[in-house]
Amino acid sequence: MGMRHKAVKATLDVGSSEEWNDDHEVNFQEEIHHKDIFLDVANINEWDATQNTSTTNPSITMVGGFACARLRGSGGAGNFGSIRHQLASAPADITNHLAQPSVHMALNVETPTADNATHEFGLMANASLPFAGNQDGAFFRIDNNVLFAVSSDGAGETTTNLGAPNQFGNYKILHTATSDTFFVDDNETPVATHITNLSTADLTIKLTCADRAGGDNYLNIQATCLCVLRQVA
């Protein structure tokens, strides 16, 4: 999906200034892109926070000079700050493997506490509770300050240990019927590819951080983007 000039030229064709200056038009090509850049309340209103059990509600704010949606797991160990994308203004799944979704997330993960699972973000079943065992999806998890790529079909998990997480990261997951592919900072070179425990369930985008015995945890979400195939049949 992109914007292009209305006039379409072949290589070395000559065009006119009128064609060049004419209004652009949307060109969906093979993919549809849905971006959320968290600058005002209209963005956060596309997200549901009813799974949030933290004493701090998700908010749009400035962190270190950058606007973001800020989650905080607070109020006691086991509480979590969480948001999930909505469909038609209600919590719901928004894609599945048939659409070959690719989710991109620009995140600031403030220093996680080194006890249990503290962060999860990616594609997960809408109805599943954050940090539930074997929840359907393809997502990243931070557990004991270690980043994992996770694929789950609802019955079991395939995981890859990716080492200590960076505080600032560009995370990408491509979910298809035959594989889950995970990227961190480099959108061309996978850090993990899974071909087992692949979900065939409907999924949404969900991001969560948990309060643990070691204290509160934070997740600052600068932007997300969901890319899906354009339906052609």
Protein backbone atom coordinates (compact mmCIF):
# COMPACT_ATOMS: atom_id res chain seq x y z
CA MET A 1 0.00 0.00 0.00
CA GLY A 2 1.32 3.45 -0.89
CA MET A 3 0.70 6.74 -2.64
CA ARG A 4 1.62 7.26 -6.28
CA HIS A 5 1.11 9.70 -9.14
CA LYS A 6 -2.04 9.09 -11.15
CA ALA A 7 -0.01 8.94 -14.36
CA VAL A 8 1.88 5.67 -14.69
CA LYS A 9 5.05 5.73 -16.80
CA ALA A 10 7.43 3.08 -18.03
CA THR A 11 11.17 3.49 -17.57
CA LEU A 12 12.54 6.40 -19.69
CA ASP A 13 9.05 7.63 -20.64
CA VAL A 14 8.69 11.42 -20.74
CA GLY A 15 5.99 13.09 -18.67
CA SER A 16 4.53 16.55 -18.30
CA SER A 17 4.56 18.92 -15.34
CA GLU A 18 0.76 18.61 -15.17
CA GLU A 19 1.10 14.86 -14.65
CA TRP A 20 3.83 15.31 -12.06
CA ASN A 21 1.91 17.97 -10.14
CA ASP A 22 -1.44 16.18 -10.31
CA ASP A 23 -2.93 14.81 -7.11
CA HIS A 24 -1.66 11.47 -5.92
CA GLU A 25 -3.89 8.46 -5.41
CA VAL A 26 -3.85 5.48 -3.09
CA ASN A 27 -2.33 2.34 -4.57
CA PHE A 28 -3.18 -0.66 -2.39
CA GLN A 29 -1.03 -3.04 -4.44
CA GLU A 30 -0.88 -6.40 -2.59
CA GLU A 31 -1.12 -5.20 1.03
CA ILE A 32 -3.30 -3.09 3.30
CA HIS A 33 -1.51 -1.17 6.06
CA HIS A 34 -3.05 0.05 9.31
CA LYS A 35 -0.83 2.36 11.36
CA ASP A 36 -1.27 3.62 14.91
CA ILE A 37 1.10 6.43 15.86
CA PHE A 38 0.22 7.40 19.41
CA LEU A 39 -0.17 11.17 19.38
CA ASP A 40 -3.77 11.79 20.46
CA VAL A 41 -6.81 10.15 22.03
CA ALA A 42 -8.17 9.04 18.65
CA ASN A 43 -5.37 6.48 18.45
CA ILE A 44 -5.83 5.03 21.93
CA ASN A 45 -9.60 4.83 21.33
CA GLU A 46 -8.95 2.09 18.76
CA TRP A 47 -7.61 -0.04 21.62
CA ASP A 48 -9.37 -1.82 24.46
CA ALA A 49 -8.04 -1.76 28.02
CA THR A 50 -10.57 -3.95 29.83
CA GLN A 51 -7.90 -6.62 30.42
CA ASN A 52 -5.84 -4.00 32.24
CA THR A 53 -5.75 -4.88 35.95
CA SER A 54 -3.09 -2.34 36.86
CA THR A 55 -3.90 0.56 39.18
CA THR A 56 -2.47 2.77 36.39
CA ASN A 57 -4.55 3.11 33.23
CA PRO A 58 -2.90 3.18 29.78
CA SER A 59 -2.33 6.74 28.60
CA ILE A 60 -0.81 8.80 25.81
CA THR A 61 2.07 10.82 27.20
CA MET A 62 5.65 11.95 26.62
CA VAL A 63 8.55 9.74 27.71
CA GLY A 64 12.05 11.06 27.13
CA GLY A 65 10.78 13.57 24.60
CA PHE A 66 8.79 11.03 22.55
CA ALA A 67 5.01 10.64 22.42
CA CYS A 68 3.78 7.12 23.15
CA ALA A 69 1.07 4.97 24.64
CA ARG A 70 2.42 4.13 28.10
CA LEU A 71 1.54 0.92 29.92
CA ARG A 72 2.46 0.32 33.54
CA GLY A 73 2.05 -2.88 35.53
CA SER A 74 1.39 -1.60 39.05
CA GLY A 75 -0.70 -2.13 42.16
CA GLY A 76 0.80 -5.42 43.30
CA ALA A 77 2.47 -8.49 41.85
CA GLY A 78 0.30 -10.14 39.19
CA ASN A 79 -1.41 -6.98 37.95
CA PHE A 80 -0.74 -5.94 34.39
CA GLY A 81 -1.09 -2.98 32.06
CA SER A 82 -2.53 -4.18 28.77
CA ILE A 83 -4.15 -2.99 25.54
CA ARG A 84 -5.55 -4.96 22.59
CA HIS A 85 -6.75 -3.70 19.23
CA GLN A 86 -10.48 -3.42 18.68
CA LEU A 87 -12.76 -4.22 15.75
CA ALA A 88 -15.78 -1.95 15.25
CA SER A 89 -15.20 -0.30 18.66
CA ALA A 90 -15.24 -3.56 20.61
CA PRO A 91 -12.64 -6.12 21.71
CA ALA A 92 -12.27 -8.65 18.91
CA ASP A 93 -9.82 -10.51 16.70
CA ILE A 94 -8.81 -8.66 13.55
CA THR A 95 -6.74 -11.07 11.42
CA ASN A 96 -5.46 -14.63 11.03
CA HIS A 97 -2.89 -16.69 9.14
CA LEU A 98 -4.87 -16.56 5.87
CA ALA A 99 -4.20 -12.81 5.62
CA GLN A 100 -0.48 -13.39 6.30
CA PRO A 101 -0.37 -10.55 8.84
CA SER A 102 2.85 -8.71 9.55
CA VAL A 103 2.85 -6.65 12.73
CA HIS A 104 5.47 -3.99 13.42
CA MET A 105 5.97 -2.38 16.86
CA ALA A 106 8.28 0.49 17.84
CA LEU A 107 8.77 0.02 21.59
CA ASN A 108 10.64 1.34 24.59
CA VAL A 109 10.90 -1.45 27.15
CA GLU A 110 12.12 0.18 30.33
CA THR A 111 14.41 -2.04 32.41
CA PRO A 112 12.37 -5.21 33.12
CA THR A 113 12.42 -6.75 36.55
CA ALA A 114 14.29 -10.05 36.47
CA ASP A 115 11.48 -12.22 37.79
CA ASN A 116 8.98 -14.21 35.74
CA ALA A 117 7.33 -13.05 32.52
CA THR A 118 7.12 -9.26 32.50
CA HIS A 119 6.23 -8.32 28.90
CA GLU A 120 4.30 -9.80 25.97
CA PHE A 121 3.61 -8.10 22.63
CA GLY A 122 2.52 -9.23 19.20
CA LEU A 123 -0.36 -11.21 17.70
CA MET A 124 -2.49 -13.02 20.29
CA ALA A 125 -6.03 -14.32 20.64
CA ASN A 126 -8.32 -11.54 21.78
CA ALA A 127 -10.07 -13.62 24.45
CA SER A 128 -6.95 -15.06 26.05
CA LEU A 129 -5.70 -13.48 29.25
CA PRO A 130 -2.25 -11.87 29.22
CA PHE A 131 0.53 -14.30 30.18
CA ALA A 132 -1.84 -17.29 29.96
CA GLY A 133 -0.09 -20.56 29.16
CA ASN A 134 -0.27 -21.79 25.57
CA GLN A 135 -2.33 -18.87 24.29
CA ASP A 136 -2.83 -18.81 20.52
CA GLY A 137 -0.53 -16.42 18.73
CA ALA A 138 2.86 -15.32 17.44
CA PHE A 139 4.50 -12.86 19.79
CA PHE A 140 7.51 -11.76 21.80
CA ARG A 141 7.82 -12.46 25.53
CA ILE A 142 10.31 -11.10 28.06
CA ASP A 143 10.85 -13.56 30.92
CA ASN A 144 13.48 -13.07 33.61
CA ASN A 145 14.96 -10.29 31.46
CA VAL A 146 15.37 -12.60 28.46
CA LEU A 147 13.59 -11.97 25.14
CA PHE A 148 11.83 -14.94 23.53
CA ALA A 149 10.10 -15.41 20.17
CA VAL A 150 6.96 -17.47 20.80
CA SER A 151 4.61 -19.44 18.54
CA SER A 152 1.61 -21.13 20.14
CA ASP A 153 -1.27 -23.11 18.69
CA GLY A 154 -3.23 -23.14 21.94
CA ALA A 155 -1.90 -26.55 22.96
CA GLY A 156 1.86 -26.01 23.07
CA GLU A 157 4.61 -23.51 22.35
CA THR A 158 7.72 -23.23 20.23
CA THR A 159 10.15 -20.66 21.65
CA THR A 160 13.52 -19.20 20.72
CA ASN A 161 15.80 -17.53 23.27
CA LEU A 162 16.97 -14.19 21.82
CA GLY A 163 19.06 -13.04 24.77
CA ALA A 164 18.75 -9.85 26.76
CA PRO A 165 16.27 -7.36 25.25
CA ASN A 166 17.32 -3.91 24.11
CA GLN A 167 15.43 -1.05 25.75
CA PHE A 168 14.53 0.46 22.36
CA GLY A 169 13.45 -1.92 19.63
CA ASN A 170 11.72 -2.23 16.29
CA TYR A 171 9.93 -5.57 16.44
CA LYS A 172 8.31 -7.36 13.50
CA ILE A 173 6.42 -10.67 13.24
CA LEU A 174 5.22 -12.31 10.02
CA HIS A 175 2.54 -14.95 10.66
CA THR A 176 1.52 -17.39 7.90
CA ALA A 177 0.05 -20.87 7.61
CA THR A 178 3.51 -22.42 7.26
CA SER A 179 5.77 -20.33 9.52
CA ASP A 180 6.18 -17.54 12.03
CA THR A 181 9.14 -15.29 11.32
CA PHE A 182 10.51 -12.84 13.89
CA PHE A 183 12.67 -9.75 13.38
CA VAL A 184 14.31 -7.30 15.81
CA ASP A 185 15.60 -3.96 14.47
CA ASP A 186 16.55 -5.48 11.08
CA ASN A 187 13.43 -6.09 8.99
CA GLU A 188 15.34 -8.18 6.46
CA THR A 189 17.20 -10.66 8.68
CA PRO A 190 15.08 -12.97 10.89
CA VAL A 191 16.17 -13.68 14.44
CA ALA A 192 13.89 -16.74 14.60
CA THR A 193 11.69 -18.82 12.31
CA HIS A 194 9.19 -21.33 13.69
CA ILE A 195 7.36 -24.05 11.75
CA THR A 196 5.73 -25.83 14.69
CA ASN A 197 2.91 -24.83 17.06
CA LEU A 198 1.55 -22.37 14.49
CA SER A 199 -1.77 -20.79 15.37
CA THR A 200 -4.72 -21.09 13.00
CA ALA A 201 -6.96 -19.02 15.27
CA ASP A 202 -8.16 -15.45 14.74
CA LEU A 203 -5.82 -12.98 16.43
CA THR A 204 -5.46 -9.33 17.42
CA ILE A 205 -2.54 -7.10 18.39
CA LYS A 206 -1.97 -7.16 22.15
CA LEU A 207 0.73 -5.54 24.30
CA THR A 208 1.16 -6.12 28.04
CA CYS A 209 3.54 -5.52 30.92
CA ALA A 210 3.18 -6.98 34.42
CA ASP A 211 3.82 -5.95 37.99
CA ARG A 212 6.05 -8.60 39.54
CA ALA A 213 7.70 -9.18 42.92
CA GLY A 214 10.62 -7.08 41.73
CA GLY A 215 8.38 -4.05 41.18
CA ASP A 216 6.45 -2.23 38.48
CA ASN A 217 7.17 -2.74 34.79
CA TYR A 218 6.62 -0.33 31.89
CA LEU A 219 6.01 -0.59 28.16
CA ASN A 220 6.08 2.55 26.00
CA ILE A 221 4.52 2.07 22.55
CA GLN A 222 5.52 4.70 20.02
CA ALA A 223 3.76 3.10 17.06
CA THR A 224 2.31 -0.11 15.65
CA CYS A 225 1.52 -1.12 12.09
CA LEU A 226 -0.46 -4.12 10.85
CA CYS A 227 0.06 -5.19 7.23
CA VAL A 228 -2.28 -7.79 5.72
CA LEU A 229 -2.79 -9.13 2.23
CA ARG A 230 -5.40 -7.42 0.09
CA GLN A 231 -8.25 -9.90 -0.46
CA VAL A 232 -8.46 -10.91 -4.11
CA ALA A 233 -10.65 -14.01 -4.04
